[in-house]
């Protein structure tokens, strides 16, 4: 996975357009994306978001749900080893694999889902 990330970063570096002189903030008509600095995002770093990792889904009737007890197995729509979906604030942002970290479950991101929605 690390090799893929390095390759993607390297590809981005190779396709990036050459940068002009550093932005001094004096050009009010410059596009916002060019004049943003990492410090501009500090205001949003402390905003909490809900992150969900979905192993799979199923549909069942209420009477089936009421019959479930300890040890019941609910069949999901995913196969063993298939990627799980990672949502941030109910929006699909990535796919990944379940991993064990010490005595807890975690998720390793294997694919970032790019949005077609234009941010405005």
N, C-alpha and C. Protein backbone atom coordinates (compact mmCIF):
# COMPACT_ATOMS: atom_id res chain seq x y z
N UNK A 1 0.82 -1.19 0.00
CA UNK A 1 0.00 0.00 0.00
C UNK A 1 0.86 1.25 0.00
N UNK A 2 1.97 1.26 0.75
CA UNK A 2 2.84 2.43 0.82
C UNK A 2 3.42 2.75 -0.55
N UNK A 3 3.72 1.71 -1.33
CA UNK A 3 4.25 1.94 -2.66
C UNK A 3 3.22 2.64 -3.53
N UNK A 4 1.94 2.25 -3.43
CA UNK A 4 0.89 2.89 -4.21
C UNK A 4 0.77 4.36 -3.85
N UNK A 5 0.83 4.67 -2.54
CA UNK A 5 0.73 6.06 -2.10
C UNK A 5 1.91 6.86 -2.65
N UNK A 6 3.13 6.30 -2.58
CA UNK A 6 4.29 6.99 -3.09
C UNK A 6 4.17 7.22 -4.58
N UNK A 7 3.66 6.22 -5.31
CA UNK A 7 3.49 6.33 -6.74
C UNK A 7 2.50 7.43 -7.06
N UNK A 8 1.37 7.46 -6.33
CA UNK A 8 0.37 8.50 -6.57
C UNK A 8 0.94 9.88 -6.30
N UNK A 9 1.69 10.04 -5.21
CA UNK A 9 2.29 11.33 -4.90
C UNK A 9 3.30 11.72 -5.96
N UNK A 10 4.08 10.75 -6.41
CA UNK A 10 5.06 11.03 -7.44
C UNK A 10 4.36 11.44 -8.74
N UNK A 11 3.27 10.76 -9.09
CA UNK A 11 2.53 11.11 -10.29
C UNK A 11 1.96 12.51 -10.17
N UNK A 12 1.45 12.86 -9.00
CA UNK A 12 0.92 14.20 -8.79
C UNK A 12 2.01 15.25 -8.97
N UNK A 13 3.20 14.97 -8.42
CA UNK A 13 4.30 15.92 -8.55
C UNK A 13 4.69 16.10 -10.01
N UNK A 14 4.68 15.03 -10.77
CA UNK A 14 5.08 15.10 -12.17
C UNK A 14 4.05 15.84 -13.01
N UNK A 15 2.78 15.75 -12.65
CA UNK A 15 1.74 16.39 -13.46
C UNK A 15 1.39 17.79 -12.98
N UNK A 16 1.93 18.18 -11.84
CA UNK A 16 1.63 19.51 -11.31
C UNK A 16 2.25 20.58 -12.19
N UNK A 17 1.54 21.70 -12.32
CA UNK A 17 2.06 22.81 -13.10
C UNK A 17 3.11 23.54 -12.29
N UNK A 18 4.08 24.11 -12.95
CA UNK A 18 5.10 24.85 -12.22
C UNK A 18 4.46 26.00 -11.45
N UNK A 19 4.97 26.24 -10.26
CA UNK A 19 4.45 27.30 -9.41
C UNK A 19 5.11 28.61 -9.81
N UNK A 20 4.35 29.68 -9.75
CA UNK A 20 4.91 31.00 -9.99
C UNK A 20 5.46 31.53 -8.67
N UNK A 21 5.75 32.79 -8.63
CA UNK A 21 6.29 33.41 -7.42
C UNK A 21 5.34 33.21 -6.26
N UNK A 22 5.86 33.13 -5.03
CA UNK A 22 4.99 32.93 -3.87
C UNK A 22 3.92 34.00 -3.79
N UNK A 23 2.72 33.57 -3.36
CA UNK A 23 1.59 34.48 -3.25
C UNK A 23 1.75 35.35 -2.01
N UNK A 24 1.71 36.64 -2.21
CA UNK A 24 1.84 37.57 -1.09
C UNK A 24 0.50 38.03 -0.59
N UNK A 25 -0.56 37.58 -1.23
CA UNK A 25 -1.90 37.99 -0.82
C UNK A 25 -2.32 39.30 -1.44
N UNK A 26 -1.48 39.88 -2.29
CA UNK A 26 -1.79 41.18 -2.90
C UNK A 26 -2.70 41.05 -4.11
N UNK A 27 -2.91 39.85 -4.63
CA UNK A 27 -3.72 39.67 -5.83
C UNK A 27 -5.12 39.21 -5.45
N UNK A 28 -6.09 40.12 -5.33
CA UNK A 28 -7.42 39.74 -4.90
C UNK A 28 -8.17 38.92 -5.93
N UNK A 29 -7.76 38.98 -7.21
CA UNK A 29 -8.48 38.24 -8.23
C UNK A 29 -7.91 36.84 -8.45
N UNK A 30 -6.93 36.41 -7.66
CA UNK A 30 -6.38 35.06 -7.77
C UNK A 30 -7.40 34.06 -7.27
N UNK A 31 -7.50 32.89 -7.91
CA UNK A 31 -8.43 31.86 -7.43
C UNK A 31 -8.12 31.48 -6.00
N UNK A 32 -9.17 31.19 -5.23
CA UNK A 32 -9.02 30.88 -3.80
C UNK A 32 -8.12 29.67 -3.58
N UNK A 33 -8.19 28.67 -4.48
CA UNK A 33 -7.41 27.45 -4.28
C UNK A 33 -5.92 27.72 -4.36
N UNK A 34 -5.50 28.73 -5.12
CA UNK A 34 -4.08 29.03 -5.26
C UNK A 34 -3.56 29.81 -4.06
N UNK A 35 -4.40 30.59 -3.41
CA UNK A 35 -3.92 31.44 -2.33
C UNK A 35 -4.10 30.82 -0.95
N UNK A 36 -4.68 29.63 -0.86
CA UNK A 36 -4.88 28.99 0.44
C UNK A 36 -3.58 28.45 0.98
N UNK A 37 -3.45 28.55 2.28
CA UNK A 37 -2.27 28.03 2.97
C UNK A 37 -2.75 27.04 4.02
N UNK A 38 -1.89 26.11 4.45
CA UNK A 38 -2.30 25.13 5.46
C UNK A 38 -2.89 25.78 6.72
N UNK A 39 -2.41 26.95 7.07
CA UNK A 39 -2.92 27.63 8.26
C UNK A 39 -4.39 28.01 8.11
N UNK A 40 -4.86 28.18 6.87
CA UNK A 40 -6.25 28.55 6.63
C UNK A 40 -7.22 27.47 7.09
N UNK A 41 -6.77 26.23 7.17
CA UNK A 41 -7.63 25.13 7.56
C UNK A 41 -7.64 24.87 9.06
N UNK A 42 -6.79 25.55 9.81
CA UNK A 42 -6.70 25.31 11.25
C UNK A 42 -8.04 25.51 11.95
N UNK A 43 -8.89 26.36 11.44
CA UNK A 43 -10.18 26.64 12.07
C UNK A 43 -11.10 25.42 12.06
N UNK A 44 -10.90 24.49 11.13
CA UNK A 44 -11.78 23.33 11.04
C UNK A 44 -11.19 22.08 11.68
N UNK A 45 -9.95 22.13 12.13
CA UNK A 45 -9.30 20.93 12.68
C UNK A 45 -10.02 20.37 13.90
N UNK A 46 -10.64 21.20 14.71
CA UNK A 46 -11.27 20.74 15.94
C UNK A 46 -12.75 20.43 15.79
N UNK A 47 -13.29 20.48 14.58
CA UNK A 47 -14.71 20.17 14.37
C UNK A 47 -14.88 18.66 14.39
N UNK A 48 -15.74 18.15 15.27
CA UNK A 48 -15.94 16.69 15.32
C UNK A 48 -16.73 16.20 14.11
N UNK A 49 -16.36 15.02 13.63
CA UNK A 49 -17.09 14.36 12.54
C UNK A 49 -17.38 12.93 12.97
N UNK A 50 -18.44 12.35 12.40
CA UNK A 50 -18.79 10.97 12.71
C UNK A 50 -18.19 10.08 11.63
N UNK A 51 -17.38 9.11 12.05
CA UNK A 51 -16.76 8.17 11.12
C UNK A 51 -17.36 6.80 11.36
N UNK A 52 -17.85 6.17 10.29
CA UNK A 52 -18.46 4.84 10.38
C UNK A 52 -17.77 3.91 9.40
N UNK A 53 -17.49 2.69 9.85
CA UNK A 53 -16.95 1.65 8.98
C UNK A 53 -18.03 0.58 8.86
N UNK A 54 -18.55 0.39 7.66
CA UNK A 54 -19.68 -0.52 7.43
C UNK A 54 -19.15 -1.83 6.87
N UNK A 55 -19.32 -2.89 7.66
CA UNK A 55 -18.88 -4.22 7.24
C UNK A 55 -19.76 -4.79 6.15
N UNK A 56 -21.03 -4.44 6.17
CA UNK A 56 -21.99 -4.95 5.21
C UNK A 56 -23.39 -4.55 5.64
N UNK A 57 -24.38 -4.88 4.82
CA UNK A 57 -25.76 -4.53 5.12
C UNK A 57 -26.67 -5.72 4.83
N UNK A 58 -27.85 -5.68 5.42
CA UNK A 58 -28.87 -6.68 5.14
C UNK A 58 -30.23 -6.06 5.39
N UNK A 59 -31.25 -6.68 4.89
CA UNK A 59 -32.63 -6.25 5.13
C UNK A 59 -33.37 -7.41 5.75
N UNK A 60 -34.15 -7.12 6.78
CA UNK A 60 -34.95 -8.16 7.41
C UNK A 60 -36.22 -7.54 7.96
N UNK A 61 -37.20 -8.39 8.16
CA UNK A 61 -38.47 -7.94 8.72
C UNK A 61 -38.35 -7.81 10.23
N UNK A 62 -39.20 -7.00 10.82
CA UNK A 62 -39.16 -6.76 12.26
C UNK A 62 -39.31 -8.07 13.03
N UNK A 63 -40.21 -8.97 12.57
CA UNK A 63 -40.39 -10.23 13.32
C UNK A 63 -39.12 -11.07 13.31
N UNK A 64 -38.31 -11.01 12.23
CA UNK A 64 -37.03 -11.71 12.20
C UNK A 64 -36.06 -11.06 13.18
N UNK A 65 -36.06 -9.74 13.22
CA UNK A 65 -35.20 -8.99 14.13
C UNK A 65 -35.51 -9.33 15.58
N UNK A 66 -36.79 -9.45 15.90
CA UNK A 66 -37.20 -9.74 17.28
C UNK A 66 -36.80 -11.15 17.72
N UNK A 67 -36.61 -12.05 16.77
CA UNK A 67 -36.23 -13.43 17.09
C UNK A 67 -34.72 -13.59 17.34
N UNK A 68 -33.95 -12.55 17.00
CA UNK A 68 -32.49 -12.64 17.18
C UNK A 68 -32.15 -12.68 18.67
N UNK A 69 -31.20 -13.48 19.00
CA UNK A 69 -30.73 -13.56 20.38
C UNK A 69 -29.23 -13.72 20.40
N UNK A 70 -28.69 -13.91 21.59
CA UNK A 70 -27.25 -14.07 21.73
C UNK A 70 -26.78 -15.24 20.86
N UNK A 71 -25.74 -15.01 20.09
CA UNK A 71 -25.17 -16.05 19.23
C UNK A 71 -25.80 -16.12 17.85
N UNK A 72 -26.84 -15.32 17.60
CA UNK A 72 -27.48 -15.32 16.28
C UNK A 72 -26.50 -14.78 15.24
N UNK A 73 -26.58 -15.30 14.05
CA UNK A 73 -25.72 -14.85 12.95
C UNK A 73 -26.60 -14.13 11.93
N UNK A 74 -26.19 -12.92 11.58
CA UNK A 74 -26.90 -12.14 10.57
C UNK A 74 -26.01 -12.10 9.33
N UNK A 75 -26.51 -12.63 8.24
CA UNK A 75 -25.75 -12.67 6.99
C UNK A 75 -25.76 -11.29 6.34
N UNK A 76 -24.58 -10.82 5.98
CA UNK A 76 -24.43 -9.51 5.34
C UNK A 76 -24.19 -9.68 3.85
N UNK A 77 -24.24 -8.58 3.12
CA UNK A 77 -24.10 -8.62 1.66
C UNK A 77 -22.65 -8.57 1.18
N UNK A 78 -21.70 -8.78 2.06
CA UNK A 78 -20.28 -8.76 1.69
C UNK A 78 -19.65 -10.12 1.92
N UNK A 79 -18.60 -10.39 1.17
CA UNK A 79 -17.86 -11.63 1.34
C UNK A 79 -16.64 -11.39 2.20
N UNK A 80 -16.11 -12.45 2.78
CA UNK A 80 -14.90 -12.35 3.59
C UNK A 80 -13.77 -11.80 2.72
N UNK A 81 -13.06 -10.82 3.22
CA UNK A 81 -11.95 -10.22 2.50
C UNK A 81 -12.35 -9.08 1.59
N UNK A 82 -13.64 -8.88 1.39
CA UNK A 82 -14.10 -7.78 0.54
C UNK A 82 -13.94 -6.46 1.30
N UNK A 83 -13.64 -5.39 0.58
CA UNK A 83 -13.42 -4.08 1.20
C UNK A 83 -14.67 -3.60 1.93
N UNK A 84 -14.45 -2.90 3.03
CA UNK A 84 -15.56 -2.30 3.77
C UNK A 84 -15.65 -0.82 3.41
N UNK A 85 -16.82 -0.24 3.61
CA UNK A 85 -17.03 1.17 3.29
C UNK A 85 -16.77 2.04 4.51
N UNK A 86 -16.10 3.17 4.30
CA UNK A 86 -15.84 4.12 5.37
C UNK A 86 -16.59 5.41 5.05
N UNK A 87 -17.46 5.80 5.97
CA UNK A 87 -18.27 7.00 5.80
C UNK A 87 -17.82 8.07 6.79
N UNK A 88 -17.82 9.31 6.36
CA UNK A 88 -17.62 10.45 7.26
C UNK A 88 -18.87 11.31 7.13
N UNK A 89 -19.56 11.49 8.26
CA UNK A 89 -20.83 12.21 8.27
C UNK A 89 -21.78 11.68 7.21
N UNK A 90 -21.92 10.36 7.16
CA UNK A 90 -22.83 9.66 6.24
C UNK A 90 -22.48 9.83 4.77
N UNK A 91 -21.26 10.18 4.48
CA UNK A 91 -20.82 10.32 3.09
C UNK A 91 -19.66 9.35 2.85
N UNK A 92 -19.79 8.50 1.83
CA UNK A 92 -18.75 7.53 1.51
C UNK A 92 -17.47 8.26 1.09
N UNK A 93 -16.38 8.01 1.82
CA UNK A 93 -15.12 8.68 1.51
C UNK A 93 -13.98 7.71 1.20
N UNK A 94 -14.13 6.44 1.61
CA UNK A 94 -13.03 5.51 1.40
C UNK A 94 -13.51 4.07 1.51
N UNK A 95 -12.65 3.17 1.07
CA UNK A 95 -12.84 1.74 1.30
C UNK A 95 -11.59 1.23 1.98
N UNK A 96 -11.74 0.18 2.76
CA UNK A 96 -10.59 -0.31 3.50
C UNK A 96 -10.74 -1.74 3.95
N UNK A 97 -9.77 -2.17 4.75
CA UNK A 97 -9.73 -3.52 5.29
C UNK A 97 -9.71 -3.45 6.81
N UNK A 98 -10.35 -4.42 7.43
CA UNK A 98 -10.35 -4.50 8.89
C UNK A 98 -8.99 -5.01 9.36
N UNK A 99 -8.45 -4.35 10.38
CA UNK A 99 -7.19 -4.78 10.98
C UNK A 99 -7.37 -4.82 12.49
N UNK A 100 -6.48 -5.54 13.17
CA UNK A 100 -6.49 -5.59 14.63
C UNK A 100 -5.30 -4.79 15.13
N UNK A 101 -5.57 -3.82 16.00
CA UNK A 101 -4.54 -2.98 16.60
C UNK A 101 -4.60 -3.23 18.10
N UNK A 102 -3.58 -3.93 18.63
CA UNK A 102 -3.59 -4.40 20.02
C UNK A 102 -4.85 -5.23 20.23
N UNK A 103 -5.77 -4.78 21.06
CA UNK A 103 -6.99 -5.57 21.28
C UNK A 103 -8.22 -4.90 20.68
N UNK A 104 -8.02 -4.00 19.74
CA UNK A 104 -9.14 -3.27 19.13
C UNK A 104 -9.15 -3.48 17.61
N UNK A 105 -10.32 -3.26 17.02
CA UNK A 105 -10.44 -3.32 15.57
C UNK A 105 -10.14 -1.95 14.98
N UNK A 106 -9.60 -1.94 13.80
CA UNK A 106 -9.32 -0.70 13.08
C UNK A 106 -9.56 -0.91 11.60
N UNK A 107 -9.34 0.13 10.83
CA UNK A 107 -9.52 0.06 9.38
C UNK A 107 -8.29 0.65 8.70
N UNK A 108 -7.75 -0.08 7.75
CA UNK A 108 -6.68 0.42 6.90
C UNK A 108 -7.32 0.90 5.61
N UNK A 109 -7.13 2.15 5.28
CA UNK A 109 -7.70 2.71 4.05
C UNK A 109 -6.95 2.15 2.84
N UNK A 110 -7.69 1.58 1.91
CA UNK A 110 -7.06 1.04 0.70
C UNK A 110 -7.44 1.83 -0.54
N UNK A 111 -8.52 2.61 -0.45
CA UNK A 111 -8.99 3.39 -1.61
C UNK A 111 -9.72 4.62 -1.10
N UNK A 112 -9.34 5.77 -1.60
CA UNK A 112 -10.03 7.01 -1.28
C UNK A 112 -11.04 7.26 -2.39
N UNK A 113 -12.28 7.54 -2.02
CA UNK A 113 -13.33 7.79 -2.99
C UNK A 113 -13.36 9.27 -3.30
N UNK A 114 -13.11 9.63 -4.54
CA UNK A 114 -13.13 11.03 -4.94
C UNK A 114 -14.55 11.45 -5.25
N UNK A 115 -14.88 12.64 -4.83
CA UNK A 115 -16.23 13.16 -5.04
C UNK A 115 -16.30 13.92 -6.35
N UNK A 116 -17.41 13.76 -7.06
CA UNK A 116 -17.64 14.53 -8.28
C UNK A 116 -18.30 15.86 -7.96
N UNK A 117 -18.76 15.99 -6.70
CA UNK A 117 -19.45 17.20 -6.29
C UNK A 117 -18.47 18.36 -6.22
N UNK A 118 -18.86 19.48 -6.76
CA UNK A 118 -18.02 20.68 -6.75
C UNK A 118 -18.16 21.37 -5.42
N UNK A 119 -17.03 21.62 -4.78
CA UNK A 119 -17.03 22.32 -3.50
C UNK A 119 -17.10 23.82 -3.78
N UNK A 120 -18.00 24.49 -3.11
CA UNK A 120 -18.12 25.91 -3.41
C UNK A 120 -18.03 26.68 -2.22
